[in-house]
């Protein structure tokens, strides 16, 4: 099974949303833009700005935690254009 890390940007607030899923990030983007949870419902619409594919759930979660850390946010700021 494949897992994905994906990063969305809110067009409403310009905030990032970082998560992981076994679903394709394009499908998750559609779900978030339909308001799949409370936070995304309040901050939609979103665009997909980054995705990474993994084959191991443990590594996926580890990467997600990194991207949500201060160092990970710095990495995103440097490597993912606005």
N, C-alpha and C. Protein backbone atom coordinates (compact mmCIF):
# COMPACT_ATOMS: atom_id res chain seq x y z
N UNK A 1 0.84 -1.18 0.00
CA UNK A 1 0.00 0.00 0.00
C UNK A 1 0.89 1.24 0.00
N UNK A 2 0.46 2.25 -0.73
CA UNK A 2 1.17 3.52 -0.77
C UNK A 2 0.52 4.52 0.18
N UNK A 3 1.35 5.39 0.71
CA UNK A 3 0.88 6.47 1.57
C UNK A 3 1.40 7.78 0.99
N UNK A 4 0.69 8.83 1.28
CA UNK A 4 1.04 10.15 0.77
C UNK A 4 1.08 11.17 1.90
N UNK A 5 2.07 12.05 1.82
CA UNK A 5 2.08 13.28 2.60
C UNK A 5 1.59 14.33 1.61
N UNK A 6 0.72 15.21 2.06
CA UNK A 6 0.31 16.29 1.16
C UNK A 6 0.20 17.59 1.94
N UNK A 7 0.45 18.67 1.22
CA UNK A 7 0.38 20.00 1.81
C UNK A 7 -0.58 20.82 0.96
N UNK A 8 -1.59 21.36 1.63
CA UNK A 8 -2.56 22.22 0.96
C UNK A 8 -2.34 23.65 1.42
N UNK A 9 -2.70 24.60 0.58
CA UNK A 9 -2.67 26.00 0.97
C UNK A 9 -4.09 26.54 0.84
N UNK A 10 -4.54 27.20 1.90
CA UNK A 10 -5.85 27.82 1.88
C UNK A 10 -5.80 29.10 1.06
N UNK A 11 -6.69 29.22 0.09
CA UNK A 11 -6.78 30.45 -0.70
C UNK A 11 -7.48 31.54 0.09
N UNK A 12 -8.18 31.15 1.14
CA UNK A 12 -8.90 32.10 1.99
C UNK A 12 -7.97 32.75 3.02
N UNK A 13 -7.14 31.94 3.69
CA UNK A 13 -6.30 32.43 4.79
C UNK A 13 -4.80 32.37 4.49
N UNK A 14 -4.42 31.70 3.41
CA UNK A 14 -3.02 31.48 3.02
C UNK A 14 -2.29 30.55 3.99
N UNK A 15 -3.01 29.86 4.86
CA UNK A 15 -2.39 28.91 5.79
C UNK A 15 -2.19 27.56 5.11
N UNK A 16 -1.19 26.82 5.62
CA UNK A 16 -0.93 25.47 5.11
C UNK A 16 -1.65 24.44 5.95
N UNK A 17 -2.03 23.34 5.30
CA UNK A 17 -2.62 22.19 5.97
C UNK A 17 -1.77 21.00 5.56
N UNK A 18 -1.17 20.33 6.54
CA UNK A 18 -0.27 19.20 6.28
C UNK A 18 -0.90 17.94 6.84
N UNK A 19 -0.95 16.89 6.02
CA UNK A 19 -1.54 15.64 6.48
C UNK A 19 -0.99 14.48 5.67
N UNK A 20 -1.42 13.26 6.03
CA UNK A 20 -1.07 12.09 5.25
C UNK A 20 -2.31 11.24 5.04
N UNK A 21 -2.24 10.39 4.02
CA UNK A 21 -3.38 9.54 3.69
C UNK A 21 -2.92 8.39 2.81
N UNK A 22 -3.72 7.35 2.77
CA UNK A 22 -3.47 6.28 1.80
C UNK A 22 -4.18 6.59 0.49
N UNK A 23 -5.02 7.64 0.48
CA UNK A 23 -5.70 8.08 -0.74
C UNK A 23 -4.79 9.02 -1.52
N UNK A 24 -5.02 9.09 -2.81
CA UNK A 24 -4.31 10.01 -3.66
C UNK A 24 -4.55 11.45 -3.20
N UNK A 25 -3.50 12.28 -3.15
CA UNK A 25 -3.67 13.67 -2.69
C UNK A 25 -4.68 14.48 -3.50
N UNK A 26 -4.82 14.19 -4.79
CA UNK A 26 -5.81 14.91 -5.59
C UNK A 26 -7.23 14.61 -5.11
N UNK A 27 -7.46 13.36 -4.71
CA UNK A 27 -8.77 12.98 -4.15
C UNK A 27 -8.98 13.66 -2.80
N UNK A 28 -7.94 13.68 -1.97
CA UNK A 28 -8.05 14.33 -0.66
C UNK A 28 -8.31 15.82 -0.82
N UNK A 29 -7.70 16.45 -1.81
CA UNK A 29 -7.94 17.87 -2.08
C UNK A 29 -9.43 18.10 -2.34
N UNK A 30 -10.02 17.27 -3.18
CA UNK A 30 -11.46 17.39 -3.47
C UNK A 30 -12.28 17.25 -2.20
N UNK A 31 -11.92 16.27 -1.37
CA UNK A 31 -12.66 16.04 -0.12
C UNK A 31 -12.54 17.24 0.82
N UNK A 32 -11.34 17.79 0.93
CA UNK A 32 -11.15 18.95 1.81
C UNK A 32 -11.92 20.16 1.28
N UNK A 33 -11.95 20.33 -0.04
CA UNK A 33 -12.69 21.45 -0.60
C UNK A 33 -14.20 21.28 -0.47
N UNK A 34 -14.63 20.07 -0.18
CA UNK A 34 -16.05 19.82 0.11
C UNK A 34 -16.33 20.00 1.61
N UNK A 35 -15.27 20.25 2.39
CA UNK A 35 -15.44 20.48 3.83
C UNK A 35 -15.44 19.21 4.63
N UNK A 36 -14.43 18.35 4.41
CA UNK A 36 -14.41 17.04 5.05
C UNK A 36 -14.15 17.08 6.57
N UNK A 37 -13.62 18.18 7.08
CA UNK A 37 -13.50 18.31 8.53
C UNK A 37 -13.69 19.77 8.93
N UNK A 38 -13.79 20.03 10.21
CA UNK A 38 -14.14 21.37 10.70
C UNK A 38 -13.14 22.43 10.26
N UNK A 39 -11.84 22.16 10.40
CA UNK A 39 -10.84 23.16 10.05
C UNK A 39 -10.84 23.44 8.55
N UNK A 40 -10.87 22.39 7.74
CA UNK A 40 -10.84 22.64 6.29
C UNK A 40 -12.14 23.26 5.80
N UNK A 41 -13.24 22.95 6.44
CA UNK A 41 -14.52 23.56 6.06
C UNK A 41 -14.46 25.07 6.26
N UNK A 42 -13.83 25.51 7.34
CA UNK A 42 -13.74 26.94 7.66
C UNK A 42 -12.68 27.67 6.84
N UNK A 43 -11.74 26.95 6.24
CA UNK A 43 -10.62 27.59 5.55
C UNK A 43 -10.54 27.30 4.06
N UNK A 44 -11.54 26.64 3.50
CA UNK A 44 -11.53 26.34 2.07
C UNK A 44 -11.79 27.59 1.26
N UNK A 45 -11.42 27.62 0.01
CA UNK A 45 -10.89 26.54 -0.84
C UNK A 45 -9.37 26.39 -0.68
N UNK A 46 -8.90 25.22 -1.11
CA UNK A 46 -7.48 24.87 -1.02
C UNK A 46 -6.92 24.55 -2.39
N UNK A 47 -5.59 24.68 -2.46
CA UNK A 47 -4.84 24.17 -3.60
C UNK A 47 -3.79 23.22 -3.06
N UNK A 48 -3.43 22.22 -3.84
CA UNK A 48 -2.38 21.27 -3.47
C UNK A 48 -1.04 21.89 -3.86
N UNK A 49 -0.14 22.07 -2.89
CA UNK A 49 1.14 22.69 -3.19
C UNK A 49 2.32 21.73 -3.09
N UNK A 50 2.11 20.56 -2.48
CA UNK A 50 3.23 19.60 -2.34
C UNK A 50 2.68 18.23 -2.00
N UNK A 51 3.34 17.19 -2.53
CA UNK A 51 2.99 15.81 -2.17
C UNK A 51 4.23 14.94 -2.26
N UNK A 52 4.26 13.93 -1.40
CA UNK A 52 5.36 12.95 -1.36
C UNK A 52 4.75 11.57 -1.19
N UNK A 53 5.28 10.60 -1.89
CA UNK A 53 4.77 9.23 -1.85
C UNK A 53 5.69 8.34 -1.03
N UNK A 54 5.09 7.49 -0.18
CA UNK A 54 5.84 6.56 0.67
C UNK A 54 5.21 5.17 0.56
N UNK A 55 5.99 4.15 0.86
CA UNK A 55 5.47 2.79 0.88
C UNK A 55 5.34 2.25 2.29
N UNK A 56 5.72 3.05 3.27
CA UNK A 56 5.74 2.62 4.65
C UNK A 56 5.02 3.65 5.52
N UNK A 57 4.02 3.21 6.27
CA UNK A 57 3.22 4.14 7.07
C UNK A 57 4.05 4.82 8.16
N UNK A 58 4.97 4.08 8.77
CA UNK A 58 5.80 4.64 9.82
C UNK A 58 6.64 5.80 9.29
N UNK A 59 7.25 5.62 8.13
CA UNK A 59 8.05 6.68 7.52
C UNK A 59 7.18 7.87 7.13
N UNK A 60 5.97 7.59 6.69
CA UNK A 60 5.04 8.66 6.31
C UNK A 60 4.72 9.53 7.52
N UNK A 61 4.40 8.90 8.63
CA UNK A 61 4.06 9.64 9.86
C UNK A 61 5.27 10.42 10.36
N UNK A 62 6.45 9.82 10.26
CA UNK A 62 7.68 10.50 10.67
C UNK A 62 7.90 11.77 9.84
N UNK A 63 7.68 11.67 8.54
CA UNK A 63 7.85 12.82 7.65
C UNK A 63 6.78 13.89 7.94
N UNK A 64 5.56 13.46 8.19
CA UNK A 64 4.49 14.40 8.52
C UNK A 64 4.86 15.19 9.78
N UNK A 65 5.33 14.49 10.80
CA UNK A 65 5.73 15.16 12.05
C UNK A 65 6.85 16.16 11.79
N UNK A 66 7.80 15.79 10.92
CA UNK A 66 8.88 16.72 10.59
C UNK A 66 8.32 17.97 9.92
N UNK A 67 7.46 17.81 8.92
CA UNK A 67 6.92 18.96 8.20
C UNK A 67 6.10 19.87 9.09
N UNK A 68 5.54 19.33 10.17
CA UNK A 68 4.76 20.13 11.11
C UNK A 68 5.64 20.79 12.18
N UNK A 69 6.93 20.42 12.23
CA UNK A 69 7.86 20.98 13.21
C UNK A 69 8.37 22.34 12.71
N UNK A 70 9.08 23.05 13.56
CA UNK A 70 9.63 24.34 13.13
C UNK A 70 10.64 24.16 12.00
N UNK A 71 11.47 23.13 12.07
CA UNK A 71 12.43 22.86 10.98
C UNK A 71 11.70 22.48 9.70
N UNK A 72 10.62 21.72 9.82
CA UNK A 72 9.84 21.33 8.65
C UNK A 72 9.15 22.53 8.01
N UNK A 73 8.64 23.43 8.84
CA UNK A 73 8.02 24.64 8.29
C UNK A 73 9.06 25.49 7.56
N UNK A 74 10.27 25.56 8.10
CA UNK A 74 11.35 26.28 7.42
C UNK A 74 11.68 25.61 6.08
N UNK A 75 11.71 24.27 6.07
CA UNK A 75 11.97 23.54 4.83
C UNK A 75 10.89 23.84 3.80
N UNK A 76 9.64 23.83 4.22
CA UNK A 76 8.54 24.15 3.30
C UNK A 76 8.67 25.58 2.77
N UNK A 77 8.98 26.53 3.65
CA UNK A 77 9.13 27.92 3.24
C UNK A 77 10.24 28.05 2.17
N UNK A 78 11.32 27.31 2.34
CA UNK A 78 12.45 27.38 1.43
C UNK A 78 12.19 26.65 0.12
N UNK A 79 11.53 25.51 0.18
CA UNK A 79 11.43 24.62 -0.98
C UNK A 79 10.10 24.64 -1.73
N UNK A 80 9.08 25.19 -1.14
CA UNK A 80 7.76 25.21 -1.78
C UNK A 80 7.38 26.67 -2.03
N UNK A 81 7.36 27.08 -3.29
CA UNK A 81 7.04 28.48 -3.59
C UNK A 81 5.61 28.84 -3.19
N UNK A 82 5.41 30.12 -2.90
CA UNK A 82 4.08 30.61 -2.53
C UNK A 82 3.12 30.47 -3.69
